[in-house]
């Protein structure tokens, strides 16, 4: 087994070391270092993922998300009202301009 084959098999399933991989690992310092680095990375990754979430955090998150959604709905409602008012204004101006031009 060469280093490329070893690294492919080691990356495919880092928790399984086959007998032929062990033979290569004992003979190759580069691959031995590679396995140590992978194990160190896995240990760091487990520490990062293993975070204790406070029990009140989900409730706070939902509260903030709902507040944000309500604010967006409020803004959207104001925009709709503004567009409706603008539409009425435009139709009013067009209607008045039509009457003025009709009488000229």
N, C-alpha and C. Protein backbone atom coordinates (compact mmCIF):
# COMPACT_ATOMS: atom_id res chain seq x y z
N UNK A 1 0.85 -1.17 0.00
CA UNK A 1 0.00 0.00 0.00
C UNK A 1 0.90 1.24 0.00
N UNK A 2 0.52 2.22 -0.83
CA UNK A 2 1.29 3.47 -0.84
C UNK A 2 0.54 4.54 -0.04
N UNK A 3 1.16 5.70 0.06
CA UNK A 3 0.61 6.78 0.90
C UNK A 3 -0.72 7.29 0.36
N UNK A 4 -0.87 7.36 -0.95
CA UNK A 4 -2.11 7.84 -1.55
C UNK A 4 -3.27 6.91 -1.21
N UNK A 5 -3.05 5.62 -1.38
CA UNK A 5 -4.10 4.64 -1.04
C UNK A 5 -4.44 4.72 0.45
N UNK A 6 -3.40 4.86 1.28
CA UNK A 6 -3.63 4.95 2.72
C UNK A 6 -4.48 6.17 3.07
N UNK A 7 -4.12 7.31 2.49
CA UNK A 7 -4.88 8.53 2.83
C UNK A 7 -6.31 8.44 2.33
N UNK A 8 -6.54 7.84 1.16
CA UNK A 8 -7.91 7.68 0.66
C UNK A 8 -8.73 6.82 1.62
N UNK A 9 -8.16 5.69 2.05
CA UNK A 9 -8.89 4.80 2.96
C UNK A 9 -9.08 5.43 4.33
N UNK A 10 -8.07 6.16 4.79
CA UNK A 10 -8.15 6.80 6.10
C UNK A 10 -9.21 7.91 6.09
N UNK A 11 -9.29 8.65 5.01
CA UNK A 11 -10.29 9.71 4.92
C UNK A 11 -11.69 9.17 4.68
N UNK A 12 -11.77 8.02 4.02
CA UNK A 12 -13.09 7.43 3.75
C UNK A 12 -13.77 7.02 5.05
N UNK A 13 -13.02 6.43 5.95
CA UNK A 13 -13.57 6.04 7.26
C UNK A 13 -12.47 6.16 8.30
N UNK A 14 -12.36 7.33 8.94
CA UNK A 14 -11.25 7.58 9.86
C UNK A 14 -11.22 6.67 11.09
N UNK A 15 -12.33 6.07 11.43
CA UNK A 15 -12.38 5.23 12.63
C UNK A 15 -12.01 3.78 12.39
N UNK A 16 -11.81 3.42 11.12
CA UNK A 16 -11.47 2.04 10.80
C UNK A 16 -10.07 2.00 10.20
N UNK A 17 -9.21 1.20 10.83
CA UNK A 17 -7.86 1.00 10.29
C UNK A 17 -7.72 -0.49 9.99
N UNK A 18 -7.59 -0.80 8.70
CA UNK A 18 -7.47 -2.18 8.24
C UNK A 18 -6.06 -2.71 8.51
N UNK A 19 -5.89 -4.04 8.52
CA UNK A 19 -4.55 -4.61 8.78
C UNK A 19 -3.46 -4.11 7.83
N UNK A 20 -3.79 -3.99 6.54
CA UNK A 20 -2.77 -3.50 5.59
C UNK A 20 -2.45 -2.03 5.85
N UNK A 21 -3.41 -1.30 6.38
CA UNK A 21 -3.17 0.10 6.73
C UNK A 21 -2.23 0.17 7.93
N UNK A 22 -2.39 -0.75 8.89
CA UNK A 22 -1.53 -0.77 10.07
C UNK A 22 -0.08 -1.05 9.67
N UNK A 23 0.11 -1.98 8.73
CA UNK A 23 1.47 -2.27 8.26
C UNK A 23 2.10 -1.02 7.65
N UNK A 24 1.34 -0.33 6.81
CA UNK A 24 1.87 0.88 6.18
C UNK A 24 2.09 1.98 7.23
N UNK A 25 1.20 2.06 8.18
CA UNK A 25 1.31 3.09 9.22
C UNK A 25 2.58 2.91 10.06
N UNK A 26 2.91 1.67 10.34
CA UNK A 26 4.12 1.38 11.11
C UNK A 26 5.40 1.70 10.33
N UNK A 27 5.30 1.63 8.99
CA UNK A 27 6.49 1.84 8.16
C UNK A 27 6.64 3.29 7.70
N UNK A 28 5.57 4.07 7.71
CA UNK A 28 5.62 5.41 7.10
C UNK A 28 5.37 6.49 8.15
N UNK A 29 6.39 7.33 8.38
CA UNK A 29 6.25 8.42 9.36
C UNK A 29 5.27 9.49 8.87
N UNK A 30 5.25 9.72 7.57
CA UNK A 30 4.36 10.74 7.00
C UNK A 30 2.89 10.38 7.25
N UNK A 31 2.55 9.13 7.01
CA UNK A 31 1.17 8.69 7.21
C UNK A 31 0.84 8.60 8.70
N UNK A 32 1.83 8.25 9.50
CA UNK A 32 1.64 8.22 10.95
C UNK A 32 1.32 9.62 11.46
N UNK A 33 2.03 10.61 10.95
CA UNK A 33 1.77 12.01 11.32
C UNK A 33 0.39 12.44 10.83
N UNK A 34 0.03 11.98 9.63
CA UNK A 34 -1.28 12.29 9.05
C UNK A 34 -2.41 11.77 9.95
N UNK A 35 -2.27 10.56 10.46
CA UNK A 35 -3.28 9.98 11.34
C UNK A 35 -3.35 10.76 12.66
N UNK A 36 -2.19 11.15 13.19
CA UNK A 36 -2.19 11.93 14.44
C UNK A 36 -2.90 13.27 14.24
N UNK A 37 -2.66 13.91 13.09
CA UNK A 37 -3.32 15.18 12.80
C UNK A 37 -4.83 15.00 12.65
N UNK A 38 -5.22 13.89 12.00
CA UNK A 38 -6.66 13.61 11.85
C UNK A 38 -7.32 13.39 13.21
N UNK A 39 -6.64 12.66 14.07
CA UNK A 39 -7.18 12.41 15.41
C UNK A 39 -7.28 13.70 16.22
N UNK A 40 -6.28 14.56 16.09
CA UNK A 40 -6.30 15.85 16.80
C UNK A 40 -7.45 16.72 16.27
N UNK A 41 -7.64 16.71 14.95
CA UNK A 41 -8.73 17.47 14.36
C UNK A 41 -10.08 16.94 14.84
N UNK A 42 -10.23 15.62 14.87
CA UNK A 42 -11.48 15.02 15.35
C UNK A 42 -11.75 15.41 16.80
N UNK A 43 -10.70 15.42 17.61
CA UNK A 43 -10.87 15.80 19.02
C UNK A 43 -11.33 17.25 19.13
N UNK A 44 -10.74 18.14 18.33
CA UNK A 44 -11.15 19.55 18.33
C UNK A 44 -12.59 19.69 17.84
N UNK A 45 -12.92 18.93 16.82
CA UNK A 45 -14.26 19.00 16.26
C UNK A 45 -15.30 18.53 17.27
N UNK A 46 -15.00 17.51 18.01
CA UNK A 46 -15.92 17.02 19.04
C UNK A 46 -16.12 18.08 20.11
N UNK A 47 -15.04 18.77 20.50
CA UNK A 47 -15.16 19.84 21.50
C UNK A 47 -16.04 20.97 20.98
N UNK A 48 -15.89 21.31 19.72
CA UNK A 48 -16.67 22.40 19.14
C UNK A 48 -18.15 22.04 19.07
N UNK A 49 -18.42 20.82 18.68
CA UNK A 49 -19.81 20.38 18.51
C UNK A 49 -20.49 20.13 19.85
N UNK A 50 -19.72 19.75 20.83
CA UNK A 50 -20.29 19.39 22.13
C UNK A 50 -20.47 20.66 22.98
N UNK A 51 -21.44 21.48 22.58
CA UNK A 51 -21.71 22.74 23.27
C UNK A 51 -23.02 22.59 24.03
N UNK A 52 -23.01 23.03 25.27
CA UNK A 52 -24.23 22.98 26.08
C UNK A 52 -25.03 24.25 25.80
N UNK A 53 -26.27 24.03 25.36
CA UNK A 53 -27.15 25.15 25.06
C UNK A 53 -28.01 25.42 26.29
N UNK A 54 -28.02 26.66 26.78
CA UNK A 54 -28.86 26.98 27.94
C UNK A 54 -30.34 26.69 27.63
N UNK A 55 -31.07 26.28 28.64
CA UNK A 55 -32.46 25.87 28.43
C UNK A 55 -33.34 27.04 27.98
N UNK A 56 -32.99 28.26 28.35
CA UNK A 56 -33.82 29.40 27.96
C UNK A 56 -33.48 29.93 26.57
N UNK A 57 -32.41 29.46 25.98
CA UNK A 57 -31.98 29.98 24.68
C UNK A 57 -33.01 29.75 23.57
N UNK A 58 -33.57 28.55 23.41
CA UNK A 58 -34.56 28.37 22.34
C UNK A 58 -35.75 29.32 22.46
N UNK A 59 -36.21 29.55 23.67
CA UNK A 59 -37.33 30.46 23.87
C UNK A 59 -36.95 31.89 23.47
N UNK A 60 -35.75 32.32 23.84
CA UNK A 60 -35.29 33.66 23.46
C UNK A 60 -35.17 33.77 21.94
N UNK A 61 -34.67 32.71 21.32
CA UNK A 61 -34.51 32.70 19.88
C UNK A 61 -35.86 32.83 19.18
N UNK A 62 -36.86 32.06 19.64
CA UNK A 62 -38.20 32.14 19.05
C UNK A 62 -38.81 33.51 19.27
N UNK A 63 -38.60 34.09 20.43
CA UNK A 63 -39.15 35.42 20.72
C UNK A 63 -38.56 36.46 19.78
N UNK A 64 -37.24 36.43 19.59
CA UNK A 64 -36.60 37.39 18.69
C UNK A 64 -37.03 37.16 17.24
N UNK A 65 -37.15 35.91 16.85
CA UNK A 65 -37.57 35.61 15.47
C UNK A 65 -39.00 36.11 15.23
N UNK A 66 -39.89 35.89 16.21
CA UNK A 66 -41.26 36.36 16.05
C UNK A 66 -41.31 37.89 16.00
N UNK A 67 -40.50 38.55 16.81
CA UNK A 67 -40.46 40.01 16.79
C UNK A 67 -39.99 40.52 15.43
N UNK A 68 -39.01 39.85 14.88
CA UNK A 68 -38.48 40.24 13.56
C UNK A 68 -39.55 40.04 12.49
N UNK A 69 -40.24 38.93 12.56
CA UNK A 69 -41.31 38.64 11.57
C UNK A 69 -42.42 39.67 11.70
N UNK A 70 -42.80 40.02 12.92
CA UNK A 70 -43.86 41.01 13.12
C UNK A 70 -43.43 42.37 12.57
N UNK A 71 -42.17 42.73 12.75
CA UNK A 71 -41.68 44.00 12.23
C UNK A 71 -41.73 43.99 10.70
N UNK A 72 -41.33 42.88 10.09
CA UNK A 72 -41.37 42.78 8.64
C UNK A 72 -42.81 42.88 8.14
N UNK A 73 -43.73 42.24 8.84
CA UNK A 73 -45.13 42.31 8.45
C UNK A 73 -45.65 43.74 8.57
N UNK A 74 -45.22 44.45 9.61
CA UNK A 74 -45.64 45.83 9.81
C UNK A 74 -45.14 46.70 8.67
N UNK A 75 -43.88 46.53 8.29
CA UNK A 75 -43.30 47.31 7.19
C UNK A 75 -44.02 46.98 5.89
N UNK A 76 -44.28 45.70 5.65
CA UNK A 76 -44.96 45.30 4.42
C UNK A 76 -46.37 45.90 4.37
N UNK A 77 -47.05 45.93 5.49
CA UNK A 77 -48.39 46.51 5.56
C UNK A 77 -48.33 47.99 5.23
N UNK A 78 -47.36 48.71 5.79
CA UNK A 78 -47.22 50.14 5.52
C UNK A 78 -46.91 50.39 4.04
N UNK A 79 -46.10 49.56 3.46
CA UNK A 79 -45.77 49.70 2.04
C UNK A 79 -47.02 49.48 1.19
N UNK A 80 -47.81 48.45 1.54
CA UNK A 80 -49.05 48.20 0.80
C UNK A 80 -50.00 49.37 0.91
N UNK A 81 -50.16 49.92 2.11
CA UNK A 81 -51.04 51.08 2.29
C UNK A 81 -50.53 52.28 1.50
N UNK A 82 -49.24 52.47 1.50
CA UNK A 82 -48.64 53.57 0.75
C UNK A 82 -48.87 53.41 -0.75
N UNK A 83 -48.71 52.19 -1.25
CA UNK A 83 -48.94 51.96 -2.68
C UNK A 83 -50.41 52.15 -3.04
N UNK A 84 -51.31 51.72 -2.16
CA UNK A 84 -52.74 51.91 -2.40
C UNK A 84 -53.07 53.40 -2.44
N UNK A 85 -52.52 54.17 -1.50
CA UNK A 85 -52.76 55.61 -1.48
C UNK A 85 -52.20 56.27 -2.74
N UNK A 86 -51.03 55.84 -3.17
CA UNK A 86 -50.42 56.39 -4.38
C UNK A 86 -51.28 56.06 -5.60
N UNK A 87 -51.80 54.87 -5.66
CA UNK A 87 -52.66 54.46 -6.78
C UNK A 87 -53.92 55.31 -6.82
N UNK A 88 -54.53 55.53 -5.67
CA UNK A 88 -55.73 56.38 -5.60
C UNK A 88 -55.38 57.80 -6.03
N UNK A 89 -54.25 58.31 -5.60
CA UNK A 89 -53.82 59.65 -5.97
C UNK A 89 -53.61 59.76 -7.47
N UNK A 90 -52.96 58.79 -8.06
CA UNK A 90 -52.70 58.81 -9.50
C UNK A 90 -54.02 58.77 -10.27
N UNK A 91 -54.95 57.89 -9.88
CA UNK A 91 -56.24 57.84 -10.56
C UNK A 91 -57.00 59.15 -10.39
N UNK A 92 -56.90 59.74 -9.21
CA UNK A 92 -57.55 61.03 -8.98
C UNK A 92 -56.99 62.11 -9.87
N UNK A 93 -55.67 62.19 -9.98
CA UNK A 93 -55.03 63.20 -10.83
C UNK A 93 -55.40 62.96 -12.29
N UNK A 94 -55.36 61.71 -12.73
CA UNK A 94 -55.71 61.40 -14.12
C UNK A 94 -57.17 61.77 -14.37
N UNK A 95 -58.05 61.50 -13.43
CA UNK A 95 -59.48 61.82 -13.58
C UNK A 95 -59.68 63.33 -13.67
N UNK A 96 -59.02 64.07 -12.79
CA UNK A 96 -59.15 65.54 -12.79
C UNK A 96 -58.55 66.12 -14.07
N UNK A 97 -57.40 65.62 -14.47
CA UNK A 97 -56.76 66.11 -15.70
C UNK A 97 -57.63 65.80 -16.91
N UNK A 98 -58.28 64.66 -16.90
CA UNK A 98 -59.18 64.31 -18.00
C UNK A 98 -60.35 65.26 -18.08
N UNK A 99 -60.91 65.61 -16.93
CA UNK A 99 -62.04 66.56 -16.90
C UNK A 99 -61.58 67.94 -17.37
N UNK A 100 -60.41 68.37 -16.95
CA UNK A 100 -59.91 69.69 -17.35
C UNK A 100 -59.69 69.73 -18.84
N UNK A 101 -59.03 68.69 -19.39
CA UNK A 101 -58.76 68.65 -20.82
C UNK A 101 -60.05 68.52 -21.62
N UNK A 102 -61.05 67.86 -21.07
CA UNK A 102 -62.32 67.69 -21.75
C UNK A 102 -63.04 69.02 -21.93
N UNK A 103 -62.92 69.90 -20.95
CA UNK A 103 -63.61 71.20 -20.99
C UNK A 103 -62.83 72.26 -21.75
N UNK A 104 -61.60 72.00 -22.14
CA UNK A 104 -60.83 73.01 -22.89
C UNK A 104 -61.15 73.01 -24.31
